[in-house]
Amino acid sequence: MSSAELNVVQSCHTSDRNSHHSEKTKQNLQARLNRIEGQIRGIKGMVEKDAYCDDVLNQIAAVQSALNSVGRILLEGHMKSCVIERIQEGDSAVIDELLTTMNKLMK
């Protein structure tokens, strides 16, 4: 097993689990989260300025959609790495963990 593969396995199976996203993925997620942060500040400003409720609600919907996109990217990476690896090693508890997480995401 290469040292990179060992790092992936270790990050998936320790009590101090860490993600192991590529730099490109991290940069993509950070850019998306920075945009969302800006949108949230914009919504706060709209509320402070008594903006029309429908306009505020539309901005909230846009933020929720953006957060869902971030969640989908993270979920896909998680399923393609940690989940597969843990299943291949016989750790079926990862399925329950994944189902719990997916239920939270779908609320």
N, C-alpha and C. Protein backbone atom coordinates (compact mmCIF):
# COMPACT_ATOMS: atom_id res chain seq x y z
N MET A 1 0.85 -1.17 0.00
CA MET A 1 0.00 0.00 0.00
C MET A 1 0.90 1.23 0.00
N SER A 2 0.59 2.20 -0.89
CA SER A 2 1.40 3.42 -0.96
C SER A 2 1.13 4.28 0.27
N SER A 3 1.99 5.24 0.50
CA SER A 3 1.80 6.11 1.67
C SER A 3 0.55 6.95 1.50
N ALA A 4 0.21 7.34 0.27
CA ALA A 4 -1.02 8.10 0.05
C ALA A 4 -2.23 7.25 0.39
N GLU A 5 -2.22 5.97 -0.04
CA GLU A 5 -3.34 5.08 0.27
C GLU A 5 -3.44 4.84 1.77
N LEU A 6 -2.30 4.72 2.42
CA LEU A 6 -2.28 4.52 3.86
C LEU A 6 -2.89 5.73 4.57
N ASN A 7 -2.57 6.93 4.11
CA ASN A 7 -3.13 8.14 4.71
C ASN A 7 -4.64 8.19 4.53
N VAL A 8 -5.13 7.77 3.37
CA VAL A 8 -6.57 7.75 3.14
C VAL A 8 -7.23 6.78 4.09
N VAL A 9 -6.69 5.57 4.20
CA VAL A 9 -7.27 4.56 5.08
C VAL A 9 -7.23 5.05 6.52
N GLN A 10 -6.13 5.61 6.95
CA GLN A 10 -6.03 6.08 8.31
C GLN A 10 -7.05 7.18 8.58
N SER A 11 -7.24 8.08 7.62
CA SER A 11 -8.17 9.18 7.86
C SER A 11 -9.61 8.70 7.90
N CYS A 12 -9.91 7.58 7.27
CA CYS A 12 -11.27 7.05 7.26
C CYS A 12 -11.58 6.22 8.50
N HIS A 13 -10.57 5.71 9.17
CA HIS A 13 -10.82 4.70 10.19
C HIS A 13 -10.41 5.09 11.60
N THR A 14 -9.96 6.28 11.81
CA THR A 14 -9.56 6.65 13.15
C THR A 14 -10.68 7.40 13.84
N SER A 15 -10.60 7.47 15.15
CA SER A 15 -11.62 8.23 15.87
C SER A 15 -11.46 9.72 15.57
N ASP A 16 -10.31 10.12 15.14
CA ASP A 16 -10.07 11.51 14.73
C ASP A 16 -10.10 11.58 13.21
N ARG A 17 -11.19 11.18 12.61
CA ARG A 17 -11.30 11.10 11.16
C ARG A 17 -11.10 12.47 10.53
N ASN A 18 -10.41 12.48 9.42
CA ASN A 18 -10.21 13.68 8.62
C ASN A 18 -10.62 13.39 7.20
N SER A 19 -10.99 14.45 6.50
CA SER A 19 -11.28 14.26 5.08
C SER A 19 -9.97 14.22 4.32
N HIS A 20 -10.05 13.80 3.11
CA HIS A 20 -8.85 13.73 2.29
C HIS A 20 -9.19 14.18 0.87
N HIS A 21 -9.68 15.41 0.78
CA HIS A 21 -10.06 15.98 -0.50
C HIS A 21 -8.82 16.50 -1.23
N SER A 22 -8.89 16.48 -2.53
CA SER A 22 -7.81 17.06 -3.32
C SER A 22 -7.79 18.57 -3.10
N GLU A 23 -6.69 19.18 -3.42
CA GLU A 23 -6.58 20.64 -3.29
C GLU A 23 -7.61 21.33 -4.17
N LYS A 24 -7.85 20.79 -5.36
CA LYS A 24 -8.83 21.38 -6.28
C LYS A 24 -10.23 21.35 -5.65
N THR A 25 -10.58 20.22 -5.06
CA THR A 25 -11.89 20.10 -4.41
C THR A 25 -12.00 21.04 -3.23
N LYS A 26 -10.94 21.11 -2.42
CA LYS A 26 -10.97 22.03 -1.27
C LYS A 26 -11.15 23.47 -1.73
N GLN A 27 -10.43 23.85 -2.77
CA GLN A 27 -10.55 25.22 -3.27
C GLN A 27 -11.96 25.49 -3.79
N ASN A 28 -12.54 24.51 -4.48
CA ASN A 28 -13.91 24.63 -4.98
C ASN A 28 -14.89 24.81 -3.81
N LEU A 29 -14.75 23.97 -2.79
CA LEU A 29 -15.64 24.06 -1.64
C LEU A 29 -15.47 25.38 -0.90
N GLN A 30 -14.22 25.80 -0.73
CA GLN A 30 -13.96 27.07 -0.05
C GLN A 30 -14.55 28.25 -0.81
N ALA A 31 -14.42 28.23 -2.13
CA ALA A 31 -14.99 29.31 -2.94
C ALA A 31 -16.51 29.34 -2.81
N ARG A 32 -17.12 28.17 -2.86
CA ARG A 32 -18.58 28.09 -2.70
C ARG A 32 -19.01 28.59 -1.32
N LEU A 33 -18.29 28.17 -0.29
CA LEU A 33 -18.63 28.59 1.07
C LEU A 33 -18.40 30.09 1.27
N ASN A 34 -17.39 30.64 0.64
CA ASN A 34 -17.16 32.09 0.73
C ASN A 34 -18.32 32.84 0.07
N ARG A 35 -18.80 32.34 -1.08
CA ARG A 35 -19.95 32.97 -1.73
C ARG A 35 -21.18 32.89 -0.84
N ILE A 36 -21.38 31.74 -0.22
CA ILE A 36 -22.53 31.57 0.67
C ILE A 36 -22.43 32.52 1.84
N GLU A 37 -21.24 32.65 2.39
CA GLU A 37 -21.02 33.58 3.50
C GLU A 37 -21.41 35.01 3.08
N GLY A 38 -21.01 35.39 1.87
CA GLY A 38 -21.38 36.71 1.37
C GLY A 38 -22.88 36.85 1.19
N GLN A 39 -23.52 35.80 0.71
CA GLN A 39 -24.97 35.83 0.55
C GLN A 39 -25.66 36.00 1.91
N ILE A 40 -25.15 35.32 2.92
CA ILE A 40 -25.73 35.42 4.27
C ILE A 40 -25.60 36.86 4.78
N ARG A 41 -24.41 37.45 4.59
CA ARG A 41 -24.24 38.85 5.00
C ARG A 41 -25.21 39.75 4.25
N GLY A 42 -25.42 39.45 2.96
CA GLY A 42 -26.37 40.23 2.17
C GLY A 42 -27.79 40.11 2.71
N ILE A 43 -28.17 38.91 3.09
CA ILE A 43 -29.51 38.71 3.66
C ILE A 43 -29.65 39.47 4.97
N LYS A 44 -28.62 39.41 5.79
CA LYS A 44 -28.65 40.16 7.06
C LYS A 44 -28.85 41.65 6.78
N GLY A 45 -28.13 42.16 5.80
CA GLY A 45 -28.28 43.57 5.43
C GLY A 45 -29.68 43.87 4.92
N MET A 46 -30.25 42.95 4.16
CA MET A 46 -31.61 43.15 3.66
C MET A 46 -32.61 43.24 4.81
N VAL A 47 -32.45 42.37 5.80
CA VAL A 47 -33.35 42.40 6.95
C VAL A 47 -33.17 43.70 7.72
N GLU A 48 -31.92 44.11 7.91
CA GLU A 48 -31.66 45.36 8.64
C GLU A 48 -32.27 46.56 7.92
N LYS A 49 -32.34 46.50 6.58
CA LYS A 49 -32.86 47.62 5.78
C LYS A 49 -34.34 47.44 5.45
N ASP A 50 -34.99 46.48 6.11
CA ASP A 50 -36.42 46.23 5.90
C ASP A 50 -36.76 45.96 4.44
N ALA A 51 -35.96 45.13 3.78
CA ALA A 51 -36.22 44.78 2.39
C ALA A 51 -37.52 44.00 2.29
N TYR A 52 -38.09 44.02 1.12
CA TYR A 52 -39.35 43.33 0.85
C TYR A 52 -39.17 41.83 1.17
N CYS A 53 -40.11 41.29 1.92
CA CYS A 53 -40.01 39.92 2.42
C CYS A 53 -39.77 38.90 1.31
N ASP A 54 -40.44 39.04 0.18
CA ASP A 54 -40.29 38.08 -0.91
C ASP A 54 -38.85 38.09 -1.44
N ASP A 55 -38.24 39.26 -1.48
CA ASP A 55 -36.85 39.36 -1.93
C ASP A 55 -35.92 38.63 -0.96
N VAL A 56 -36.16 38.81 0.33
CA VAL A 56 -35.34 38.13 1.35
C VAL A 56 -35.54 36.62 1.24
N LEU A 57 -36.77 36.19 1.11
CA LEU A 57 -37.05 34.76 1.01
C LEU A 57 -36.39 34.14 -0.23
N ASN A 58 -36.37 34.86 -1.33
CA ASN A 58 -35.70 34.36 -2.53
C ASN A 58 -34.19 34.22 -2.31
N GLN A 59 -33.60 35.14 -1.57
CA GLN A 59 -32.18 35.04 -1.26
C GLN A 59 -31.91 33.86 -0.32
N ILE A 60 -32.81 33.63 0.62
CA ILE A 60 -32.68 32.48 1.51
C ILE A 60 -32.74 31.18 0.70
N ALA A 61 -33.65 31.12 -0.26
CA ALA A 61 -33.75 29.93 -1.11
C ALA A 61 -32.46 29.71 -1.89
N ALA A 62 -31.86 30.79 -2.36
CA ALA A 62 -30.60 30.68 -3.11
C ALA A 62 -29.48 30.14 -2.22
N VAL A 63 -29.42 30.60 -0.97
CA VAL A 63 -28.41 30.11 -0.03
C VAL A 63 -28.64 28.63 0.27
N GLN A 64 -29.88 28.25 0.48
CA GLN A 64 -30.17 26.84 0.75
C GLN A 64 -29.76 25.96 -0.43
N SER A 65 -30.00 26.43 -1.63
CA SER A 65 -29.60 25.68 -2.82
C SER A 65 -28.08 25.56 -2.89
N ALA A 66 -27.39 26.65 -2.60
CA ALA A 66 -25.93 26.64 -2.63
C ALA A 66 -25.37 25.69 -1.58
N LEU A 67 -25.96 25.69 -0.38
CA LEU A 67 -25.52 24.76 0.67
C LEU A 67 -25.78 23.32 0.26
N ASN A 68 -26.92 23.08 -0.37
CA ASN A 68 -27.21 21.72 -0.85
C ASN A 68 -26.17 21.26 -1.85
N SER A 69 -25.71 22.16 -2.71
CA SER A 69 -24.68 21.81 -3.68
C SER A 69 -23.37 21.44 -2.99
N VAL A 70 -23.00 22.18 -1.97
CA VAL A 70 -21.80 21.85 -1.20
C VAL A 70 -21.96 20.48 -0.56
N GLY A 71 -23.13 20.23 0.01
CA GLY A 71 -23.40 18.94 0.64
C GLY A 71 -23.31 17.79 -0.35
N ARG A 72 -23.82 17.99 -1.56
CA ARG A 72 -23.75 16.93 -2.58
C ARG A 72 -22.31 16.63 -2.97
N ILE A 73 -21.50 17.66 -3.10
CA ILE A 73 -20.09 17.46 -3.45
C ILE A 73 -19.39 16.67 -2.35
N LEU A 74 -19.62 17.06 -1.10
CA LEU A 74 -19.00 16.35 0.02
C LEU A 74 -19.50 14.92 0.13
N LEU A 75 -20.79 14.73 -0.05
CA LEU A 75 -21.36 13.39 0.04
C LEU A 75 -20.80 12.47 -1.04
N GLU A 76 -20.68 12.98 -2.25
CA GLU A 76 -20.13 12.17 -3.33
C GLU A 76 -18.70 11.74 -3.02
N GLY A 77 -17.88 12.68 -2.56
CA GLY A 77 -16.51 12.34 -2.22
C GLY A 77 -16.44 11.33 -1.09
N HIS A 78 -17.30 11.50 -0.10
CA HIS A 78 -17.33 10.60 1.05
C HIS A 78 -17.70 9.18 0.60
N MET A 79 -18.72 9.09 -0.25
CA MET A 79 -19.16 7.77 -0.70
C MET A 79 -18.12 7.09 -1.57
N LYS A 80 -17.41 7.87 -2.38
CA LYS A 80 -16.42 7.30 -3.29
C LYS A 80 -15.10 6.96 -2.60
N SER A 81 -14.94 7.40 -1.37
CA SER A 81 -13.68 7.12 -0.68
C SER A 81 -13.94 6.35 0.61
N CYS A 82 -14.23 7.03 1.66
CA CYS A 82 -14.34 6.38 2.98
C CYS A 82 -15.38 5.28 3.02
N VAL A 83 -16.55 5.53 2.45
CA VAL A 83 -17.62 4.53 2.53
C VAL A 83 -17.21 3.25 1.80
N ILE A 84 -16.71 3.41 0.58
CA ILE A 84 -16.30 2.22 -0.18
C ILE A 84 -15.19 1.47 0.56
N GLU A 85 -14.21 2.20 1.05
CA GLU A 85 -13.08 1.56 1.74
C GLU A 85 -13.55 0.81 2.97
N ARG A 86 -14.43 1.44 3.75
CA ARG A 86 -14.89 0.78 4.97
C ARG A 86 -15.74 -0.45 4.65
N ILE A 87 -16.55 -0.39 3.61
CA ILE A 87 -17.34 -1.56 3.22
C ILE A 87 -16.42 -2.69 2.76
N GLN A 88 -15.42 -2.35 1.96
CA GLN A 88 -14.48 -3.36 1.47
C GLN A 88 -13.74 -4.02 2.62
N GLU A 89 -13.58 -3.33 3.72
CA GLU A 89 -12.91 -3.89 4.89
C GLU A 89 -13.88 -4.59 5.83
N GLY A 90 -15.16 -4.66 5.43
CA GLY A 90 -16.14 -5.37 6.23
C GLY A 90 -16.82 -4.54 7.30
N ASP A 91 -16.61 -3.25 7.30
CA ASP A 91 -17.21 -2.36 8.31
C ASP A 91 -18.57 -1.90 7.82
N SER A 92 -19.60 -2.68 8.10
CA SER A 92 -20.94 -2.35 7.62
C SER A 92 -21.60 -1.24 8.44
N ALA A 93 -21.01 -0.85 9.57
CA ALA A 93 -21.57 0.24 10.38
C ALA A 93 -21.56 1.55 9.59
N VAL A 94 -20.71 1.65 8.59
CA VAL A 94 -20.64 2.86 7.79
C VAL A 94 -21.95 3.10 7.04
N ILE A 95 -22.70 2.05 6.75
CA ILE A 95 -23.99 2.21 6.07
C ILE A 95 -24.97 2.95 6.97
N ASP A 96 -25.06 2.55 8.22
CA ASP A 96 -25.95 3.25 9.16
C ASP A 96 -25.51 4.70 9.34
N GLU A 97 -24.21 4.92 9.43
CA GLU A 97 -23.69 6.28 9.55
C GLU A 97 -24.09 7.11 8.33
N LEU A 98 -23.94 6.53 7.15
CA LEU A 98 -24.29 7.22 5.92
C LEU A 98 -25.79 7.51 5.84
N LEU A 99 -26.61 6.54 6.20
CA LEU A 99 -28.06 6.75 6.18
C LEU A 99 -28.48 7.86 7.14
N THR A 100 -27.89 7.89 8.31
CA THR A 100 -28.19 8.95 9.28
C THR A 100 -27.83 10.31 8.70
N THR A 101 -26.66 10.39 8.09
CA THR A 101 -26.21 11.65 7.50
C THR A 101 -27.13 12.07 6.35
N MET A 102 -27.50 11.12 5.50
CA MET A 102 -28.36 11.44 4.36
C MET A 102 -29.74 11.90 4.84
N ASN A 103 -30.26 11.29 5.89
CA ASN A 103 -31.54 11.74 6.45
C ASN A 103 -31.45 13.18 6.95
N LYS A 104 -30.34 13.53 7.55
CA LYS A 104 -30.15 14.92 8.00
C LYS A 104 -30.09 15.88 6.82
N LEU A 105 -29.40 15.47 5.77
CA LEU A 105 -29.27 16.32 4.59
C LEU A 105 -30.61 16.52 3.87
N MET A 106 -31.49 15.56 3.96
CA MET A 106 -32.76 15.62 3.22
C MET A 106 -33.88 16.29 4.00
N LYS A 107 -33.64 16.75 5.19
CA LYS A 107 -34.69 17.42 5.97
C LYS A 107 -35.10 18.72 5.33
